[in-house]
C-alpha atoms as a PDB file:
ATOM      1  CA  MET A   1     -76.808 197.431-103.167  1.00  0.00           C
ATOM      2  CA  LYS A   2     -77.322 198.723-106.503  1.00  0.00           C
ATOM      3  CA  SER A   3     -73.413 199.134-106.806  1.00  0.00           C
ATOM      4  CA  MET A   4     -72.876 195.383-105.418  1.00  0.00           C
ATOM      5  CA  LEU A   5     -75.079 193.825-108.437  1.00  0.00           C
ATOM      6  CA  THR A   6     -73.123 196.252-110.832  1.00  0.00           C
ATOM      7  CA  LEU A   7     -69.780 194.970-109.660  1.00  0.00           C
ATOM      8  CA  LEU A   8     -71.149 191.480-109.625  1.00  0.00           C
ATOM      9  CA  LEU A   9     -72.750 191.863-113.427  1.00  0.00           C
ATOM     10  CA  TRP A  10     -69.165 193.231-114.431  1.00  0.00           C
ATOM     11  CA  ALA A  11     -67.344 190.191-112.685  1.00  0.00           C
ATOM     12  CA  GLY A  12     -69.565 187.752-114.622  1.00  0.00           C
ATOM     13  CA  VAL A  13     -68.986 189.526-117.701  1.00  0.00           C
ATOM     14  CA  PHE A  14     -65.304 189.445-117.236  1.00  0.00           C
ATOM     15  CA  SER A  15     -65.220 185.824-116.342  1.00  0.00           C
ATOM     16  CA  LEU A  16     -67.130 185.417-119.616  1.00  0.00           C
ATOM     17  CA  LEU A  17     -64.449 186.870-121.773  1.00  0.00           C
ATOM     18  CA  VAL A  18     -61.551 185.198-120.096  1.00  0.00           C
ATOM     19  CA  ALA A  19     -63.206 181.670-120.596  1.00  0.00           C
ATOM     20  CA  GLN A  20     -63.597 182.918-124.102  1.00  0.00           C
ATOM     21  CA  GLU A  21     -59.931 183.787-124.409  1.00  0.00           C
ATOM     22  CA  LYS A  22     -59.278 180.277-122.996  1.00  0.00           C
ATOM     23  CA  ASN A  23     -61.312 178.104-124.783  1.00  0.00           C
ATOM     24  CA  TYR A  24     -62.714 177.742-128.465  1.00  0.00           C
ATOM     25  CA  PRO A  25     -65.799 175.916-130.210  1.00  0.00           C
ATOM     26  CA  VAL A  26     -65.206 172.659-132.431  1.00  0.00           C
ATOM     27  CA  VAL A  27     -68.403 170.617-134.112  1.00  0.00           C
ATOM     28  CA  ALA A  28     -68.112 167.096-133.328  1.00  0.00           C
ATOM     29  CA  GLU A  29     -68.218 165.090-136.329  1.00  0.00           C
ATOM     30  CA  GLN A  30     -69.340 161.497-137.149  1.00  0.00           C
ATOM     31  CA  GLY A  31     -66.779 159.134-134.954  1.00  0.00           C
ATOM     32  CA  ASP A  32     -65.480 161.696-132.872  1.00  0.00           C
ATOM     33  CA  GLY A  33     -65.070 160.956-128.993  1.00  0.00           C
ATOM     34  CA  ILE A  34     -63.583 163.084-126.491  1.00  0.00           C
ATOM     35  CA  PHE A  35     -59.882 161.429-126.930  1.00  0.00           C
ATOM     36  CA  SER A  36     -60.104 161.765-131.002  1.00  0.00           C
ATOM     37  CA  ILE A  37     -61.619 165.449-130.867  1.00  0.00           C
ATOM     38  CA  LEU A  38     -59.059 166.535-128.289  1.00  0.00           C
ATOM     39  CA  ARG A  39     -56.165 164.830-130.762  1.00  0.00           C
ATOM     40  CA  LYS A  40     -57.368 166.492-133.732  1.00  0.00           C
ATOM     41  CA  GLN A  41     -56.616 169.755-132.120  1.00  0.00           C
ATOM     42  CA  GLY A  42     -53.335 168.954-131.120  1.00  0.00           C
ATOM     43  CA  LEU A  43     -53.881 168.134-127.539  1.00  0.00           C
ATOM     44  CA  ASP A  44     -53.062 165.534-125.188  1.00  0.00           C
ATOM     45  CA  PRO A  45     -56.131 163.885-124.637  1.00  0.00           C
ATOM     46  CA  VAL A  46     -55.158 162.321-121.192  1.00  0.00           C
ATOM     47  CA  LYS A  47     -53.962 165.790-119.652  1.00  0.00           C
ATOM     48  CA  TYR A  48     -57.189 167.656-120.798  1.00  0.00           C
ATOM     49  CA  TYR A  49     -59.745 165.001-120.708  1.00  0.00           C
ATOM     50  CA  GLU A  50     -60.892 166.074-117.126  1.00  0.00           C
ATOM     51  CA  GLU A  51     -61.090 169.706-118.266  1.00  0.00           C
ATOM     52  CA  PHE A  52     -62.774 169.001-121.524  1.00  0.00           C
ATOM     53  CA  ILE A  53     -65.629 167.000-119.562  1.00  0.00           C
ATOM     54  CA  ILE A  54     -66.054 169.946-116.825  1.00  0.00           C
ATOM     55  CA  LEU A  55     -66.577 172.619-119.989  1.00  0.00           C
ATOM     56  CA  ASN A  56     -68.859 170.598-121.823  1.00  0.00           C
ATOM     57  CA  ALA A  57     -70.792 168.406-119.072  1.00  0.00           C
ATOM     58  CA  LYS A  58     -74.252 169.767-120.432  1.00  0.00           C
ATOM     59  CA  ASN A  59     -73.606 168.181-124.210  1.00  0.00           C
ATOM     60  CA  ILE A  60     -71.911 164.867-123.052  1.00  0.00           C
ATOM     61  CA  LYS A  61     -74.310 161.770-123.087  1.00  0.00           C
ATOM     62  CA  ASP A  62     -73.606 158.763-120.718  1.00  0.00           C
ATOM     63  CA  GLY A  63     -70.499 160.439-119.202  1.00  0.00           C
ATOM     64  CA  SER A  64     -68.405 160.306-122.437  1.00  0.00           C
ATOM     65  CA  LYS A  65     -70.510 160.291-125.727  1.00  0.00           C
ATOM     66  CA  LEU A  66     -70.191 163.191-128.091  1.00  0.00           C
ATOM     67  CA  GLN A  67     -73.122 164.478-130.035  1.00  0.00           C
ATOM     68  CA  VAL A  68     -72.510 164.696-134.017  1.00  0.00           C
ATOM     69  CA  GLY A  69     -73.032 168.219-135.053  1.00  0.00           C
ATOM     70  CA  LYS A  70     -72.956 169.811-131.651  1.00  0.00           C
ATOM     71  CA  GLU A  71     -70.084 172.475-130.561  1.00  0.00           C
ATOM     72  CA  TYR A  72     -67.591 171.400-127.808  1.00  0.00           C
ATOM     73  CA  LEU A  73     -65.177 174.069-126.183  1.00  0.00           C
ATOM     74  CA  ILE A  74     -61.726 172.913-126.601  1.00  0.00           C
ATOM     75  CA  PRO A  75     -59.088 174.425-123.856  1.00  0.00           C
ATOM     76  CA  MET A  76     -56.853 176.807-125.310  1.00  0.00           C
ATOM     77  CA  ALA A  77     -53.443 174.859-124.311  1.00  0.00           C
ATOM     78  CA  LEU A  78     -50.341 176.529-124.736  1.00  0.00           C
ATOM     79  CA  ASP A  79     -48.772 172.907-125.266  1.00  0.00           C
ATOM     80  CA  SER A  80     -50.973 171.977-128.200  1.00  0.00           C
ATOM     81  CA  PHE A  81     -49.392 170.743-131.137  1.00  0.00           C
ATOM     82  CA  LYS A  82     -50.874 173.788-132.958  1.00  0.00           C
ATOM     83  CA  LYS A  83     -49.024 176.086-130.901  1.00  0.00           C
ATOM     84  CA  THR A  84     -45.815 174.558-130.217  1.00  0.00           C
ATOM     85  CA  GLY A  85     -45.484 173.402-133.966  1.00  0.00           C
ATOM     86  CA  VAL A  86     -45.185 176.861-136.167  1.00  0.00           C
ATOM     87  CA  ARG A  87     -44.515 177.207-139.679  1.00  0.00           C
ATOM     88  CA  ILE A  88     -43.548 181.201-140.659  1.00  0.00           C
ATOM     89  CA  GLY A  89     -43.755 181.774-144.403  1.00  0.00           C
ATOM     90  CA  SER A  90     -41.655 184.454-146.027  1.00  0.00           C
ATOM     91  CA  SER A  91     -44.865 185.570-148.412  1.00  0.00           C
ATOM     92  CA  GLU A  92     -47.386 186.514-145.776  1.00  0.00           C
ATOM     93  CA  LYS A  93     -44.721 186.724-142.567  1.00  0.00           C
ATOM     94  CA  LYS A  94     -47.353 185.384-140.473  1.00  0.00           C
ATOM     95  CA  GLU A  95     -47.317 181.995-138.255  1.00  0.00           C
ATOM     96  CA  SER A  96     -49.697 179.366-138.766  1.00  0.00           C
ATOM     97  CA  PRO A  97     -49.600 175.615-137.574  1.00  0.00           C
ATOM     98  CA  ILE A  98     -47.307 173.120-139.059  1.00  0.00           C
ATOM     99  CA  PHE A  99     -50.153 170.278-139.043  1.00  0.00           C
ATOM    100  CA  ASN A 100     -53.709 170.448-139.148  1.00  0.00           C
ATOM    101  CA  SER A 101     -55.280 167.208-140.659  1.00  0.00           C
ATOM    102  CA  GLU A 102     -52.084 165.257-139.284  1.00  0.00           C
ATOM    103  CA  LEU A 103     -52.513 166.013-135.705  1.00  0.00           C
ATOM    104  CA  SER A 104     -55.168 163.008-135.362  1.00  0.00           C
ATOM    105  CA  THR A 105     -52.107 160.582-135.886  1.00  0.00           C
ATOM    106  CA  MET A 106     -49.870 162.135-133.575  1.00  0.00           C
ATOM    107  CA  SER A 107     -49.473 161.452-129.843  1.00  0.00           C
ATOM    108  CA  HIS A 108     -47.193 162.948-126.819  1.00  0.00           C
ATOM    109  CA  LYS A 109     -44.444 160.344-126.082  1.00  0.00           C
ATOM    110  CA  SER A 110     -42.756 162.083-123.674  1.00  0.00           C
ATOM    111  CA  SER A 111     -41.396 165.583-122.426  1.00  0.00           C
ATOM    112  CA  LYS A 112     -37.580 165.034-122.987  1.00  0.00           C
ATOM    113  CA  LEU A 113     -37.510 168.135-125.108  1.00  0.00           C
ATOM    114  CA  VAL A 114     -39.758 170.475-122.978  1.00  0.00           C
ATOM    115  CA  ASP A 115     -37.430 173.054-122.650  1.00  0.00           C
ATOM    116  CA  ALA A 116     -36.199 172.828-126.135  1.00  0.00           C
ATOM    117  CA  VAL A 117     -36.909 175.097-128.866  1.00  0.00           C
ATOM    118  CA  TYR A 118     -35.536 174.333-132.799  1.00  0.00           C
ATOM    119  CA  TYR A 119     -35.404 176.135-135.985  1.00  0.00           C
ATOM    120  CA  LEU A 120     -35.614 174.174-138.995  1.00  0.00           C
ATOM    121  CA  ILE A 121     -35.043 175.559-142.415  1.00  0.00           C
ATOM    122  CA  PRO A 122     -35.521 173.569-145.738  1.00  0.00           C
ATOM    123  CA  GLU A 123     -33.724 174.461-148.560  1.00  0.00           C
ATOM    124  CA  ALA A 124     -34.202 172.846-151.976  1.00  0.00           C
ATOM    125  CA  LYS A 125     -31.565 174.003-154.818  1.00  0.00           C
ATOM    126  CA  SER A 126     -33.509 172.546-157.158  1.00  0.00           C
ATOM    127  CA  THR A 127     -37.563 172.532-157.346  1.00  0.00           C
ATOM    128  CA  ASN A 128     -37.151 168.620-157.938  1.00  0.00           C
ATOM    129  CA  ASN A 129     -35.978 168.442-154.308  1.00  0.00           C
ATOM    130  CA  ASN A 130     -38.770 170.316-152.593  1.00  0.00           C
ATOM    131  CA  ASP A 131     -40.976 167.511-151.915  1.00  0.00           C
ATOM    132  CA  PHE A 132     -37.872 165.216-150.452  1.00  0.00           C
ATOM    133  CA  VAL A 133     -36.539 168.209-148.155  1.00  0.00           C
ATOM    134  CA  ASN A 134     -39.849 169.364-147.265  1.00  0.00           C
ATOM    135  CA  GLU A 135     -40.961 165.860-146.000  1.00  0.00           C
ATOM    136  CA  ILE A 136     -38.003 165.176-144.142  1.00  0.00           C
ATOM    137  CA  THR A 137     -38.254 168.634-142.203  1.00  0.00           C
ATOM    138  CA  LYS A 138     -42.475 167.787-141.199  1.00  0.00           C
ATOM    139  CA  ASN A 139     -41.589 164.353-140.129  1.00  0.00           C
ATOM    140  CA  LEU A 140     -38.648 165.720-138.121  1.00  0.00           C
ATOM    141  CA  ALA A 141     -40.764 168.705-136.641  1.00  0.00           C
ATOM    142  CA  ALA A 142     -43.071 165.868-135.526  1.00  0.00           C
ATOM    143  CA  GLU A 143     -40.750 163.630-133.836  1.00  0.00           C
ATOM    144  CA  LEU A 144     -39.360 166.541-131.928  1.00  0.00           C
ATOM    145  CA  LEU A 145     -42.817 167.441-130.961  1.00  0.00           C
ATOM    146  CA  VAL A 146     -44.170 164.796-129.428  1.00  0.00           C
ATOM    147  CA  HIS A 147     -41.195 164.636-127.548  1.00  0.00           C
ATOM    148  CA  GLY A 148     -42.367 168.512-126.154  1.00  0.00           C
ATOM    149  CA  ALA A 149     -39.961 170.755-127.606  1.00  0.00           C
ATOM    150  CA  LYS A 150     -41.113 174.004-129.804  1.00  0.00           C
ATOM    151  CA  VAL A 151     -40.538 174.030-133.109  1.00  0.00           C
ATOM    152  CA  PHE A 152     -40.322 176.512-135.871  1.00  0.00           C
ATOM    153  CA  ILE A 153     -40.162 175.713-139.890  1.00  0.00           C
ATOM    154  CA  ILE A 154     -38.654 179.081-141.149  1.00  0.00           C
ATOM    155  CA  GLY A 155     -39.067 179.951-144.931  1.00  0.00           C
ATOM    156  CA  ALA A 156     -41.773 177.516-145.059  1.00  0.00           C
ATOM    157  CA  ASP A 157     -43.558 178.923-148.471  1.00  0.00           C
ATOM    158  CA  SER A 158     -42.186 176.044-150.483  1.00  0.00           C
ATOM    159  CA  MET A 159     -44.057 173.402-147.962  1.00  0.00           C
ATOM    160  CA  ASP A 160     -47.161 174.856-149.926  1.00  0.00           C
ATOM    161  CA  LYS A 161     -45.232 175.280-153.241  1.00  0.00           C
ATOM    162  CA  LYS A 162     -45.587 178.727-152.971  1.00  0.00           C
ATOM    163  CA  ALA A 163     -43.264 181.299-154.974  1.00  0.00           C
ATOM    164  CA  ASP A 164     -40.585 182.697-152.781  1.00  0.00           C
ATOM    165  CA  VAL A 165     -41.539 186.689-152.377  1.00  0.00           C
ATOM    166  CA  LEU A 166     -37.941 187.709-151.324  1.00  0.00           C
ATOM    167  CA  SER A 167     -36.519 189.187-153.878  1.00  0.00           C
ATOM    168  CA  THR A 168     -32.748 188.342-153.148  1.00  0.00           C
ATOM    169  CA  GLU A 169     -30.753 185.741-151.612  1.00  0.00           C
ATOM    170  CA  LEU A 170     -29.626 188.446-149.152  1.00  0.00           C
ATOM    171  CA  ASP A 171     -33.103 189.684-148.491  1.00  0.00           C
ATOM    172  CA  LYS A 172     -34.184 186.105-147.413  1.00  0.00           C
ATOM    173  CA  MET A 173     -30.663 185.925-145.360  1.00  0.00           C
ATOM    174  CA  GLY A 174     -31.687 188.980-143.535  1.00  0.00           C
ATOM    175  CA  TRP A 175     -35.250 187.983-143.072  1.00  0.00           C
ATOM    176  CA  TYR A 176     -34.014 184.482-141.190  1.00  0.00           C
ATOM    177  CA  VAL A 177     -32.030 186.329-139.224  1.00  0.00           C
ATOM    178  CA  GLU A 178     -34.709 188.796-138.342  1.00  0.00           C
ATOM    179  CA  THR A 179     -37.208 186.339-137.520  1.00  0.00           C
ATOM    180  CA  ILE A 180     -35.098 183.569-135.585  1.00  0.00           C
ATOM    181  CA  ASN A 181     -33.588 186.119-133.240  1.00  0.00           C
ATOM    182  CA  LYS A 182     -36.867 187.737-132.668  1.00  0.00           C
ATOM    183  CA  HIS A 183     -38.135 184.292-131.378  1.00  0.00           C
ATOM    184  CA  TYR A 184     -34.932 183.264-129.486  1.00  0.00           C
ATOM    185  CA  LEU A 185     -35.114 186.360-127.620  1.00  0.00           C
ATOM    186  CA  GLN A 186     -38.689 185.571-126.527  1.00  0.00           C
ATOM    187  CA  HIS A 187     -37.685 181.790-125.511  1.00  0.00           C
ATOM    188  CA  SER A 188     -34.472 183.241-123.882  1.00  0.00           C
ATOM    189  CA  GLY A 189     -33.073 181.022-121.268  1.00  0.00           C
ATOM    190  CA  LYS A 190     -34.074 177.776-123.200  1.00  0.00           C
ATOM    191  CA  TYR A 191     -31.875 175.368-125.154  1.00  0.00           C
ATOM    192  CA  GLN A 192     -32.399 176.810-128.655  1.00  0.00           C
ATOM    193  CA  ARG A 193     -30.953 175.253-131.761  1.00  0.00           C
ATOM    194  CA  LEU A 194     -30.877 176.024-135.969  1.00  0.00           C
ATOM    195  CA  LEU A 195     -31.072 173.274-138.439  1.00  0.00           C
ATOM    196  CA  ILE A 196     -30.382 173.979-141.749  1.00  0.00           C
ATOM    197  CA  ILE A 197     -31.400 170.924-144.170  1.00  0.00           C
ATOM    198  CA  GLU A 198     -30.215 171.358-147.808  1.00  0.00           C
ATOM    199  CA  ALA A 199     -30.440 169.089-150.839  1.00  0.00           C
ATOM    200  CA  ASN A 200     -28.270 169.607-153.944  1.00  0.00           C
ATOM    201  CA  GLY A 201     -28.894 167.870-156.979  1.00  0.00           C
ATOM    202  CA  LEU A 202     -31.744 165.562-157.909  1.00  0.00           C
ATOM    203  CA  ILE A 203     -32.625 162.978-154.698  1.00  0.00           C
ATOM    204  CA  ALA A 204     -33.801 159.628-155.997  1.00  0.00           C
ATOM    205  CA  GLU A 205     -34.681 156.739-154.427  1.00  0.00           C
ATOM    206  CA  GLY A 206     -31.768 154.233-152.957  1.00  0.00           C
ATOM    207  CA  ASP A 207     -28.818 155.840-151.246  1.00  0.00           C
ATOM    208  CA  VAL A 208     -27.612 159.447-150.757  1.00  0.00           C
ATOM    209  CA  LYS A 209     -24.819 161.351-149.173  1.00  0.00           C
ATOM    210  CA  VAL A 210     -24.926 163.206-146.105  1.00  0.00           C
ATOM    211  CA  ALA A 211     -22.399 165.741-144.649  1.00  0.00           C
ATOM    212  CA  VAL A 212     -23.273 167.614-141.394  1.00  0.00           C
ATOM    213  CA  TYR A 213     -21.281 171.038-141.183  1.00  0.00           C
ATOM    214  CA  HIS A 214     -20.532 173.947-138.183  1.00  0.00           C
ATOM    215  CA  HIS A 215     -19.518 176.955-137.416  1.00  0.00           C
ATOM    216  CA  ALA A 216     -15.804 177.117-136.545  1.00  0.00           C
ATOM    217  CA  LYS A 217     -16.288 178.940-133.378  1.00  0.00           C
ATOM    218  CA  SER A 218     -19.315 177.686-132.392  1.00  0.00           C
ATOM    219  CA  ASP A 219     -18.598 174.697-129.743  1.00  0.00           C
ATOM    220  CA  GLN A 220     -22.389 174.263-129.079  1.00  0.00           C
ATOM    221  CA  GLY A 221     -22.915 173.998-133.174  1.00  0.00           C
ATOM    222  CA  GLN A 222     -20.109 171.716-133.419  1.00  0.00           C
ATOM    223  CA  ARG A 223     -21.472 169.152-130.407  1.00  0.00           C
ATOM    224  CA  PHE A 224     -24.855 169.688-132.268  1.00  0.00           C
ATOM    225  CA  ALA A 225     -23.444 168.814-135.535  1.00  0.00           C
ATOM    226  CA  ASN A 226     -21.356 165.778-134.280  1.00  0.00           C
ATOM    227  CA  ASN A 227     -24.286 164.131-132.267  1.00  0.00           C
ATOM    228  CA  ILE A 228     -26.062 164.248-135.509  1.00  0.00           C
ATOM    229  CA  GLN A 229     -23.280 163.057-137.342  1.00  0.00           C
ATOM    230  CA  ASN A 230     -22.523 160.343-135.321  1.00  0.00           C
ATOM    231  CA  ILE A 231     -26.077 158.693-135.616  1.00  0.00           C
ATOM    232  CA  PHE A 232     -25.367 158.850-139.457  1.00  0.00           C
ATOM    233  CA  LYS A 233     -22.371 156.935-139.029  1.00  0.00           C
ATOM    234  CA  LYS A 234     -24.013 154.238-137.058  1.00  0.00           C
ATOM    235  CA  HIS A 235     -26.450 153.372-139.694  1.00  0.00           C
ATOM    236  CA  SER A 236     -24.395 154.262-142.948  1.00  0.00           C
ATOM    237  CA  VAL A 237     -25.000 151.698-145.737  1.00  0.00           C
ATOM    238  CA  SER A 238     -20.969 151.813-146.511  1.00  0.00           C
ATOM    239  CA  ASN A 239     -18.963 149.182-144.237  1.00  0.00           C
ATOM    240  CA  SER A 240     -16.391 152.309-144.306  1.00  0.00           C
ATOM    241  CA  SER A 241     -14.609 153.338-141.056  1.00  0.00           C
ATOM    242  CA  PHE A 242     -15.101 157.042-140.482  1.00  0.00           C
ATOM    243  CA  GLU A 243     -12.562 159.371-138.719  1.00  0.00           C
ATOM    244  CA  ASP A 244     -13.783 162.324-136.755  1.00  0.00           C
ATOM    245  CA  VAL A 245     -13.501 164.797-139.178  1.00  0.00           C
ATOM    246  CA  ASP A 246     -15.085 168.858-137.987  1.00  0.00           C
ATOM    247  CA  MET A 247     -17.057 169.805-141.400  1.00  0.00           C
ATOM    248  CA  ILE A 248     -16.691 173.599-141.452  1.00  0.00           C
ATOM    249  CA  PHE A 249     -19.010 176.195-143.187  1.00  0.00           C
ATOM    250  CA  LYS A 250     -17.788 177.629-146.286  1.00  0.00           C
ATOM    251  CA  ASP A 251     -20.459 178.674-148.262  1.00  0.00           C
ATOM    252  CA  LYS A 252     -21.374 182.412-147.388  1.00  0.00           C
ATOM    253  CA  HIS A 253     -24.942 181.852-146.816  1.00  0.00           C
ATOM    254  CA  SER A 254     -24.474 179.522-143.991  1.00  0.00           C
ATOM    255  CA  LEU A 255     -21.384 181.532-142.624  1.00  0.00           C
ATOM    256  CA  TYR A 256     -23.810 184.667-142.683  1.00  0.00           C
ATOM    257  CA  LEU A 257     -26.616 182.753-140.544  1.00  0.00           C
ATOM    258  CA  ALA A 258     -24.094 181.374-138.540  1.00  0.00           C
ATOM    259  CA  LYS A 259     -22.415 184.667-137.618  1.00  0.00           C
ATOM    260  CA  ASN A 260     -25.895 186.802-137.336  1.00  0.00           C
ATOM    261  CA  THR A 261     -28.424 184.139-135.876  1.00  0.00           C
ATOM    262  CA  LEU A 262     -28.603 184.081-131.761  1.00  0.00           C
ATOM    263  CA  PRO A 263     -29.068 180.114-132.105  1.00  0.00           C
ATOM    264  CA  ALA A 264     -25.972 177.732-132.731  1.00  0.00           C
ATOM    265  CA  VAL A 265     -26.398 176.711-136.312  1.00  0.00           C
ATOM    266  CA  SER A 266     -25.995 173.372-137.870  1.00  0.00           C
ATOM    267  CA  LEU A 267     -26.091 172.640-141.725  1.00  0.00           C
ATOM    268  CA  LEU A 268     -27.146 169.252-142.818  1.00  0.00           C
ATOM    269  CA  MET A 269     -26.192 168.731-146.671  1.00  0.00           C
ATOM    270  CA  ILE A 270     -27.814 166.128-148.746  1.00  0.00           C
ATOM    271  CA  GLU A 271     -26.340 165.273-151.838  1.00  0.00           C
ATOM    272  CA  ASN A 272     -27.332 162.430-154.866  1.00  0.00           C
ATOM    273  CA  ASN A 273     -25.128 159.190-154.203  1.00  0.00           C
ATOM    274  CA  SER A 274     -22.604 159.507-156.935  1.00  0.00           C
ATOM    275  CA  LYS A 275     -22.443 163.506-156.471  1.00  0.00           C
ATOM    276  CA  TYR A 276     -19.264 163.326-154.133  1.00  0.00           C
ATOM    277  CA  SER A 277     -17.113 161.774-151.505  1.00  0.00           C
ATOM    278  CA  GLY A 278     -14.657 162.307-149.022  1.00  0.00           C
ATOM    279  CA  LYS A 279     -13.989 162.927-145.337  1.00  0.00           C
ATOM    280  CA  GLY A 280     -16.975 163.170-143.083  1.00  0.00           C
ATOM    281  CA  VAL A 281     -19.315 162.217-146.002  1.00  0.00           C
ATOM    282  CA  ILE A 282     -21.920 159.423-145.179  1.00  0.00           C
ATOM    283  CA  SER A 283     -23.734 157.348-147.217  1.00  0.00           C
ATOM    284  CA  VAL A 284     -27.235 156.332-145.946  1.00  0.00           C
ATOM    285  CA  ARG A 285     -30.368 155.383-147.260  1.00  0.00           C
ATOM    286  CA  SER A 286     -32.767 157.948-148.648  1.00  0.00           C
ATOM    287  CA  ASP A 287     -36.175 156.594-146.947  1.00  0.00           C
ATOM    288  CA  LYS A 288     -38.012 159.443-145.699  1.00  0.00           C
ATOM    289  CA  GLU A 289     -39.248 158.607-142.361  1.00  0.00           C
ATOM    290  CA  SER A 290     -36.305 156.744-141.623  1.00  0.00           C
ATOM    291  CA  PHE A 291     -34.036 159.715-142.413  1.00  0.00           C
ATOM    292  CA  SER A 292     -35.654 162.152-140.565  1.00  0.00           C
ATOM    293  CA  ASP A 293     -35.648 159.803-137.578  1.00  0.00           C
ATOM    294  CA  LEU A 294     -31.862 159.477-137.613  1.00  0.00           C
ATOM    295  CA  ILE A 295     -31.621 163.157-137.572  1.00  0.00           C
ATOM    296  CA  ALA A 296     -33.975 163.236-134.657  1.00  0.00           C
ATOM    297  CA  ASN A 297     -31.978 160.677-132.888  1.00  0.00           C
ATOM    298  CA  GLY A 298     -29.112 162.750-132.940  1.00  0.00           C
ATOM    299  CA  ILE A 299     -30.966 165.809-131.671  1.00  0.00           C
ATOM    300  CA  LEU A 300     -32.455 163.677-128.493  1.00  0.00           C
ATOM    301  CA  LYS A 301     -28.684 162.578-128.157  1.00  0.00           C
ATOM    302  CA  ASP A 302     -27.573 166.025-127.947  1.00  0.00           C
ATOM    303  CA  TYR A 303     -30.034 167.363-125.784  1.00  0.00           C
ATOM    304  CA  ALA A 304     -29.753 164.308-123.505  1.00  0.00           C
ATOM    305  CA  ASP A 305     -25.631 164.898-123.292  1.00  0.00           C
ATOM    306  CA  LEU A 306     -26.394 168.592-122.452  1.00  0.00           C
ATOM    307  CA  GLU A 307     -28.698 167.684-119.441  1.00  0.00           C
ATOM    308  CA  ILE A 308     -25.920 164.921-118.345  1.00  0.00           C
ATOM    309  CA  GLU A 309     -23.338 167.685-118.217  1.00  0.00           C
ATOM    310  CA  ASP A 310     -25.759 170.272-116.246  1.00  0.00           C
END
């Protein structure tokens, strides 16, 4: 009998520990309901509504009302936006959620990209472009997340305007490769793509020039780049007709990433509208929200084409 009681006691302790690992407490604030408190934690409120009620039944009034100042357990969900949207900065080399306060405005739209993983690298050649590139990257990440994708923003220190602690460009490229390849192997078997978003020169309001590059030896990278490029062509502010031109990596840093990272790589280059022109260069509006939507549409098209082929 004694041994049975001991076994039951340990079973209870184990169950409690498991429950604590699966859930975490959040204090309800003024105006919080079940939907809002789940959404603020990056969870789909429709999917986790019932589980939330079971976990917190004793602190829920009239079937659905939360009490301000009370702690409520939140399910530790792997598909939370806090888990699927991750930034990895070079200063501390640790992972943190891309979004926190913005989560209350984000809602799941579909599961179109549930088996897709994207690595986004924002690069600004001038500090004046940090806000432009970083906002585009964050907007793009949000749009991919709401369709079920896993998104990593790599080298994200600039998102918080911190100095990059990596001493040389070669150090940074090596860190990119190490970080991306580690996560690529962890998500082996999934559709995975790397997109570098780079701005040169001062980006002002109005029109900008866009070119999308790929590695000459990567068919996947070429198709990924072409799908993004074709969306920009459809929404160009110019009346020019566009030829199908393959834009190949030329700079050594892009080539280094293309040769050493495991996912297919594409580079989206943004220049001031007066900076340059030529085949494959597309003029579009620089509105940040619509700009990132165009990139997302090209990415969705690339993934949809792959599913059709399969």
